[in-house]
Amino acid sequence: MTAFAHTPYPSVHPGVQRAARVLGSLKNLAIRADSARNVAIVLLSAIVSTVLVIVNQMIDTYTDGHLMAAWMFLWVVAFSTMALLAAPIRKSVTGFKPALRSWIIARREKANDEKMWEVALQDPRVMAEIQRAVSQA
């Protein structure tokens, strides 16, 4: 007498499913993080934190029991830095993206021109076409 035991094992490992979901969410996060506003916020945060560290070091050397006044000064510096630098950083980041894109396109065109010139040096037909195009222009 033969008996078969059918146990319902999953066909896909649950860890693989979790990893696939994590990778998908990271991909979506990377797509959403491409905006200029997010880059400006990160840049502003870095600048403000740098200013706060410098001011904190200065306060530590000059405070003699006036810790509350030092902390108030520190927060005034933090908020004024954020208020003064938010608009210029946002403008510089939004202007940086088109400049970077045009630089990449110019680099790609220059590389293509160099490749075409190398081909033209080896093939007289390509050189003749380039000379004809230059003479027509």
Protein backbone atom coordinates (compact mmCIF):
# COMPACT_ATOMS: atom_id res chain seq x y z
CA MET A 1 0.00 0.00 0.00
CA THR A 2 1.40 3.38 -1.06
CA ALA A 3 0.41 6.72 0.46
CA PHE A 4 1.55 10.12 -0.70
CA ALA A 5 1.85 13.09 1.60
CA HIS A 6 1.17 16.40 -0.08
CA THR A 7 2.57 19.30 1.90
CA PRO A 8 1.91 22.81 0.62
CA TYR A 9 5.39 24.30 0.32
CA PRO A 10 5.60 27.78 -1.23
CA SER A 11 7.18 27.91 -4.65
CA VAL A 12 8.94 31.21 -3.92
CA HIS A 13 11.06 31.93 -0.86
CA PRO A 14 9.52 34.66 1.37
CA GLY A 15 12.92 36.32 1.75
CA VAL A 16 13.20 36.69 -2.00
CA GLN A 17 9.74 38.26 -2.13
CA ARG A 18 10.70 40.74 0.61
CA ALA A 19 13.95 41.60 -1.17
CA ALA A 20 12.07 42.19 -4.43
CA ARG A 21 9.62 44.52 -2.65
CA VAL A 22 12.49 46.42 -1.00
CA LEU A 23 14.30 46.84 -4.32
CA GLY A 24 11.09 48.05 -5.97
CA SER A 25 10.50 50.61 -3.24
CA LEU A 26 14.12 51.79 -3.45
CA LYS A 27 13.73 52.21 -7.20
CA ASN A 28 10.59 54.30 -6.69
CA LEU A 29 12.36 56.35 -4.03
CA ALA A 30 15.27 57.03 -6.38
CA ILE A 31 12.86 58.18 -9.10
CA ARG A 32 11.07 60.54 -6.73
CA ALA A 33 14.32 61.87 -5.23
CA ASP A 34 15.43 63.25 -8.60
CA SER A 35 13.68 66.59 -8.15
CA ALA A 36 15.62 69.79 -7.71
CA ARG A 37 13.68 70.67 -4.57
CA ASN A 38 14.95 67.60 -2.73
CA VAL A 39 18.52 68.34 -3.76
CA ALA A 40 18.13 71.93 -2.56
CA ILE A 41 16.79 70.73 0.79
CA VAL A 42 19.71 68.36 1.29
CA LEU A 43 22.21 71.05 0.31
CA LEU A 44 20.56 73.57 2.66
CA SER A 45 20.62 71.04 5.49
CA ALA A 46 24.32 70.40 4.95
CA ILE A 47 25.14 74.10 4.97
CA VAL A 48 23.03 74.81 8.06
CA SER A 49 24.54 71.89 9.96
CA THR A 50 28.04 73.10 9.06
CA VAL A 51 27.22 76.61 10.30
CA LEU A 52 25.74 75.17 13.50
CA VAL A 53 28.83 73.11 14.22
CA ILE A 54 31.06 76.14 13.73
CA VAL A 55 28.87 78.35 15.92
CA ASN A 56 28.67 75.64 18.59
CA GLN A 57 32.46 75.44 18.68
CA MET A 58 32.66 79.21 19.05
CA ILE A 59 30.03 79.20 21.81
CA ASP A 60 31.82 76.46 23.74
CA THR A 61 34.97 78.56 23.91
CA TYR A 62 33.26 81.81 25.00
CA THR A 63 30.40 80.84 27.34
CA ASP A 64 30.99 81.30 31.05
CA GLY A 65 27.76 80.09 32.60
CA HIS A 66 25.52 81.74 30.01
CA LEU A 67 24.39 78.51 28.40
CA MET A 68 20.79 79.61 27.77
CA ALA A 69 21.91 82.72 25.90
CA ALA A 70 24.35 80.62 23.91
CA TRP A 71 21.64 78.18 22.87
CA MET A 72 19.33 81.03 21.90
CA PHE A 73 22.11 82.52 19.79
CA LEU A 74 22.72 79.12 18.19
CA TRP A 75 19.07 78.74 17.16
CA VAL A 76 18.92 82.32 15.88
CA VAL A 77 21.89 81.54 13.68
CA ALA A 78 20.26 78.28 12.50
CA PHE A 79 16.94 79.80 11.52
CA SER A 80 18.46 82.91 9.96
CA THR A 81 20.80 80.73 7.88
CA MET A 82 17.87 78.67 6.64
CA ALA A 83 15.85 81.79 5.84
CA LEU A 84 18.68 83.53 4.01
CA LEU A 85 19.98 80.58 2.01
CA ALA A 86 16.81 78.72 1.01
CA ALA A 87 16.00 80.71 -2.13
CA PRO A 88 19.56 81.03 -3.51
CA ILE A 89 20.25 77.33 -3.05
CA ARG A 90 16.98 76.38 -4.75
CA LYS A 91 17.79 78.66 -7.68
CA SER A 92 21.31 77.32 -8.04
CA VAL A 93 20.14 73.71 -7.95
CA THR A 94 17.42 74.29 -10.54
CA GLY A 95 19.96 76.00 -12.79
CA PHE A 96 22.52 73.24 -12.27
CA LYS A 97 20.42 70.43 -13.74
CA PRO A 98 20.03 71.93 -17.27
CA ALA A 99 23.69 72.96 -17.27
CA LEU A 100 24.73 69.43 -16.37
CA ARG A 101 22.48 67.98 -19.06
CA SER A 102 23.89 70.30 -21.74
CA TRP A 103 27.46 69.48 -20.64
CA ILE A 104 26.74 65.75 -20.93
CA ILE A 105 25.25 66.23 -24.41
CA ALA A 106 28.22 68.31 -25.55
CA ARG A 107 30.63 65.68 -24.24
CA ARG A 108 28.76 62.93 -26.03
CA GLU A 109 28.76 64.90 -29.30
CA LYS A 110 32.48 65.58 -28.98
CA ALA A 111 33.17 61.87 -28.44
CA ASN A 112 31.03 61.01 -31.49
CA ASP A 113 32.90 63.58 -33.58
CA GLU A 114 36.23 62.13 -32.52
CA LYS A 115 35.08 58.62 -33.42
CA MET A 116 33.86 59.84 -36.81
CA TRP A 117 37.19 61.57 -37.42
CA GLU A 118 39.06 58.35 -36.60
CA VAL A 119 36.85 56.49 -39.09
CA ALA A 120 37.40 59.22 -41.67
CA LEU A 121 41.16 58.93 -41.32
CA GLN A 122 40.92 55.23 -42.14
CA ASP A 123 38.23 55.36 -44.84
CA PRO A 124 38.65 57.78 -47.79
CA ARG A 125 34.93 57.61 -48.65
CA VAL A 126 33.94 58.99 -45.25
CA MET A 127 36.61 61.69 -45.58
CA ALA A 128 35.22 62.65 -49.00
CA GLU A 129 31.72 62.96 -47.53
CA ILE A 130 32.98 65.14 -44.70
CA GLN A 131 34.87 67.37 -47.17
CA ARG A 132 31.76 67.63 -49.36
CA ALA A 133 29.61 68.59 -46.36
CA VAL A 134 32.11 71.22 -45.25
CA SER A 135 32.36 72.70 -48.76
CA GLN A 136 28.54 72.89 -49.06
CA ALA A 137 28.24 74.60 -45.72
